[in-house]
Amino acid sequence: MYKEVLRSIHNIEVWPLISVIIFFIFFLALLWWALTAKQAFIKRMSHLPLEDGTPTITDATNQLEV
């Protein structure tokens, strides 16, 4: 049944090709952005999940020494 429905749609063979092209363009754009991003931005973003405002062990020991 599904085969007959899909066969009755005009120009359906174009849609898989369009989806592959969209995926390829998106992948290339993301790869280009990753390769051209500034290292300072990448480093800041990589440490962002670890900075929640609570002092770390090294911060606590540094505060005790001062």
N, C-alpha and C. Protein backbone atom coordinates (compact mmCIF):
# COMPACT_ATOMS: atom_id res chain seq x y z
N MET A 1 0.82 -1.19 0.00
CA MET A 1 0.00 0.00 0.00
C MET A 1 0.86 1.25 0.00
N TYR A 2 1.90 1.27 0.86
CA TYR A 2 2.74 2.47 0.94
C TYR A 2 3.52 2.68 -0.35
N LYS A 3 3.92 1.61 -0.98
CA LYS A 3 4.66 1.74 -2.23
C LYS A 3 3.80 2.40 -3.29
N GLU A 4 2.55 2.04 -3.34
CA GLU A 4 1.66 2.63 -4.34
C GLU A 4 1.41 4.10 -4.06
N VAL A 5 1.31 4.46 -2.80
CA VAL A 5 1.11 5.86 -2.45
C VAL A 5 2.34 6.67 -2.83
N LEU A 6 3.53 6.15 -2.50
CA LEU A 6 4.76 6.86 -2.82
C LEU A 6 4.99 6.95 -4.33
N ARG A 7 4.60 5.93 -5.05
CA ARG A 7 4.76 5.97 -6.51
C ARG A 7 3.83 6.98 -7.16
N SER A 8 2.73 7.26 -6.52
CA SER A 8 1.77 8.20 -7.11
C SER A 8 2.16 9.66 -6.89
N ILE A 9 3.12 9.92 -6.01
CA ILE A 9 3.56 11.30 -5.77
C ILE A 9 4.52 11.71 -6.88
N HIS A 10 4.23 12.84 -7.48
CA HIS A 10 5.02 13.33 -8.60
C HIS A 10 6.36 13.87 -8.10
N ASN A 11 7.47 13.48 -8.74
CA ASN A 11 8.84 13.93 -8.43
C ASN A 11 9.28 13.61 -7.01
N ILE A 12 8.88 12.49 -6.46
CA ILE A 12 9.30 12.14 -5.10
C ILE A 12 10.77 11.75 -5.03
N GLU A 13 11.36 11.34 -6.14
CA GLU A 13 12.76 10.92 -6.12
C GLU A 13 13.71 12.09 -5.88
N VAL A 14 13.23 13.30 -5.97
CA VAL A 14 14.07 14.48 -5.75
C VAL A 14 14.29 14.75 -4.26
N TRP A 15 13.36 14.42 -3.42
CA TRP A 15 13.43 14.79 -2.00
C TRP A 15 14.59 14.13 -1.24
N PRO A 16 14.91 12.87 -1.46
CA PRO A 16 16.09 12.33 -0.78
C PRO A 16 17.38 13.05 -1.19
N LEU A 17 17.48 13.41 -2.45
CA LEU A 17 18.65 14.14 -2.91
C LEU A 17 18.73 15.52 -2.26
N ILE A 18 17.62 16.20 -2.15
CA ILE A 18 17.60 17.51 -1.50
C ILE A 18 18.00 17.40 -0.03
N SER A 19 17.53 16.38 0.66
CA SER A 19 17.87 16.22 2.07
C SER A 19 19.35 15.92 2.26
N VAL A 20 19.95 15.15 1.38
CA VAL A 20 21.38 14.86 1.47
C VAL A 20 22.19 16.14 1.20
N ILE A 21 21.77 16.93 0.24
CA ILE A 21 22.46 18.18 -0.05
C ILE A 21 22.37 19.15 1.12
N ILE A 22 21.21 19.26 1.75
CA ILE A 22 21.05 20.13 2.92
C ILE A 22 21.93 19.66 4.06
N PHE A 23 21.96 18.36 4.31
CA PHE A 23 22.81 17.81 5.37
C PHE A 23 24.27 18.09 5.07
N PHE A 24 24.72 17.88 3.84
CA PHE A 24 26.11 18.09 3.46
C PHE A 24 26.51 19.55 3.62
N ILE A 25 25.66 20.47 3.20
CA ILE A 25 25.95 21.90 3.34
C ILE A 25 26.02 22.28 4.82
N PHE A 26 25.11 21.77 5.63
CA PHE A 26 25.12 22.06 7.06
C PHE A 26 26.39 21.50 7.71
N PHE A 27 26.77 20.28 7.36
CA PHE A 27 27.97 19.66 7.91
C PHE A 27 29.22 20.45 7.53
N LEU A 28 29.32 20.87 6.28
CA LEU A 28 30.47 21.66 5.85
C LEU A 28 30.52 23.01 6.55
N ALA A 29 29.37 23.65 6.73
CA ALA A 29 29.34 24.94 7.44
C ALA A 29 29.76 24.77 8.89
N LEU A 30 29.31 23.73 9.53
CA LEU A 30 29.68 23.48 10.92
C LEU A 30 31.17 23.14 11.03
N LEU A 31 31.69 22.38 10.11
CA LEU A 31 33.11 22.06 10.09
C LEU A 31 33.94 23.31 9.87
N TRP A 32 33.52 24.17 8.95
CA TRP A 32 34.22 25.42 8.69
C TRP A 32 34.23 26.30 9.93
N TRP A 33 33.08 26.40 10.63
CA TRP A 33 33.01 27.21 11.84
C TRP A 33 33.93 26.65 12.92
N ALA A 34 33.97 25.35 13.08
CA ALA A 34 34.81 24.73 14.10
C ALA A 34 36.29 24.95 13.82
N LEU A 35 36.66 24.92 12.56
CA LEU A 35 38.07 25.09 12.22
C LEU A 35 38.52 26.55 12.26
N THR A 36 37.59 27.48 12.09
CA THR A 36 37.96 28.89 12.06
C THR A 36 37.62 29.63 13.36
N ALA A 37 37.06 28.93 14.33
CA ALA A 37 36.73 29.58 15.60
C ALA A 37 38.00 29.96 16.34
N LYS A 38 37.94 31.06 17.07
CA LYS A 38 39.10 31.52 17.82
C LYS A 38 39.35 30.59 18.99
N GLN A 39 40.61 30.32 19.25
CA GLN A 39 40.99 29.40 20.32
C GLN A 39 40.57 29.93 21.69
N ALA A 40 40.58 31.24 21.89
CA ALA A 40 40.15 31.81 23.17
C ALA A 40 38.67 31.52 23.41
N PHE A 41 37.87 31.62 22.37
CA PHE A 41 36.43 31.32 22.50
C PHE A 41 36.21 29.85 22.83
N ILE A 42 36.94 28.97 22.16
CA ILE A 42 36.80 27.53 22.41
C ILE A 42 37.21 27.21 23.84
N LYS A 43 38.30 27.80 24.30
CA LYS A 43 38.77 27.53 25.66
C LYS A 43 37.77 28.05 26.70
N ARG A 44 37.23 29.26 26.47
CA ARG A 44 36.25 29.82 27.41
C ARG A 44 34.98 28.97 27.45
N MET A 45 34.52 28.51 26.30
CA MET A 45 33.32 27.68 26.26
C MET A 45 33.56 26.30 26.88
N SER A 46 34.77 25.77 26.77
CA SER A 46 35.05 24.46 27.34
C SER A 46 35.10 24.50 28.85
N HIS A 47 35.43 25.64 29.43
CA HIS A 47 35.47 25.77 30.88
C HIS A 47 34.15 26.26 31.47
N LEU A 48 33.25 26.70 30.64
CA LEU A 48 32.00 27.27 31.11
C LEU A 48 31.17 26.33 31.97
N PRO A 49 31.00 25.06 31.63
CA PRO A 49 30.18 24.19 32.48
C PRO A 49 30.81 23.96 33.86
N LEU A 50 32.10 24.18 34.00
CA LEU A 50 32.76 23.94 35.27
C LEU A 50 32.71 25.15 36.20
N GLU A 51 32.37 26.31 35.67
CA GLU A 51 32.33 27.52 36.48
C GLU A 51 30.90 27.79 36.94
N ASP A 52 30.59 27.33 38.15
CA ASP A 52 29.23 27.55 38.66
C ASP A 52 29.20 28.54 39.81
N GLY A 53 30.33 29.15 40.13
CA GLY A 53 30.36 30.16 41.18
C GLY A 53 30.80 29.62 42.53
N THR A 54 30.85 28.32 42.70
CA THR A 54 31.30 27.77 43.97
C THR A 54 32.82 27.67 43.95
N PRO A 55 33.46 27.93 45.08
CA PRO A 55 34.93 27.86 45.09
C PRO A 55 35.41 26.43 44.94
N THR A 56 36.51 26.29 44.25
CA THR A 56 37.09 24.97 44.07
C THR A 56 38.06 24.69 45.22
N ILE A 57 38.63 23.52 45.24
CA ILE A 57 39.56 23.15 46.31
C ILE A 57 40.79 24.06 46.27
N THR A 58 41.29 24.33 45.10
CA THR A 58 42.46 25.19 45.00
C THR A 58 42.13 26.61 45.43
N ASP A 59 40.91 27.10 45.12
CA ASP A 59 40.50 28.43 45.57
C ASP A 59 40.41 28.47 47.07
N ALA A 60 39.88 27.42 47.69
CA ALA A 60 39.74 27.38 49.14
C ALA A 60 41.11 27.35 49.82
N THR A 61 42.04 26.60 49.29
CA THR A 61 43.38 26.55 49.90
C THR A 61 44.11 27.86 49.71
N ASN A 62 43.90 28.52 48.56
CA ASN A 62 44.53 29.81 48.34
C ASN A 62 43.97 30.86 49.28
N GLN A 63 42.69 30.80 49.59
CA GLN A 63 42.09 31.76 50.50
C GLN A 63 42.56 31.54 51.93
N LEU A 64 42.83 30.28 52.30
CA LEU A 64 43.30 30.01 53.64
C LEU A 64 44.74 30.51 53.84
N GLU A 65 45.55 30.46 52.80
CA GLU A 65 46.93 30.89 52.92
C GLU A 65 47.05 32.39 53.01
N VAL A 66 46.10 33.11 52.45
CA VAL A 66 46.18 34.58 52.42
C VAL A 66 45.82 35.17 53.71
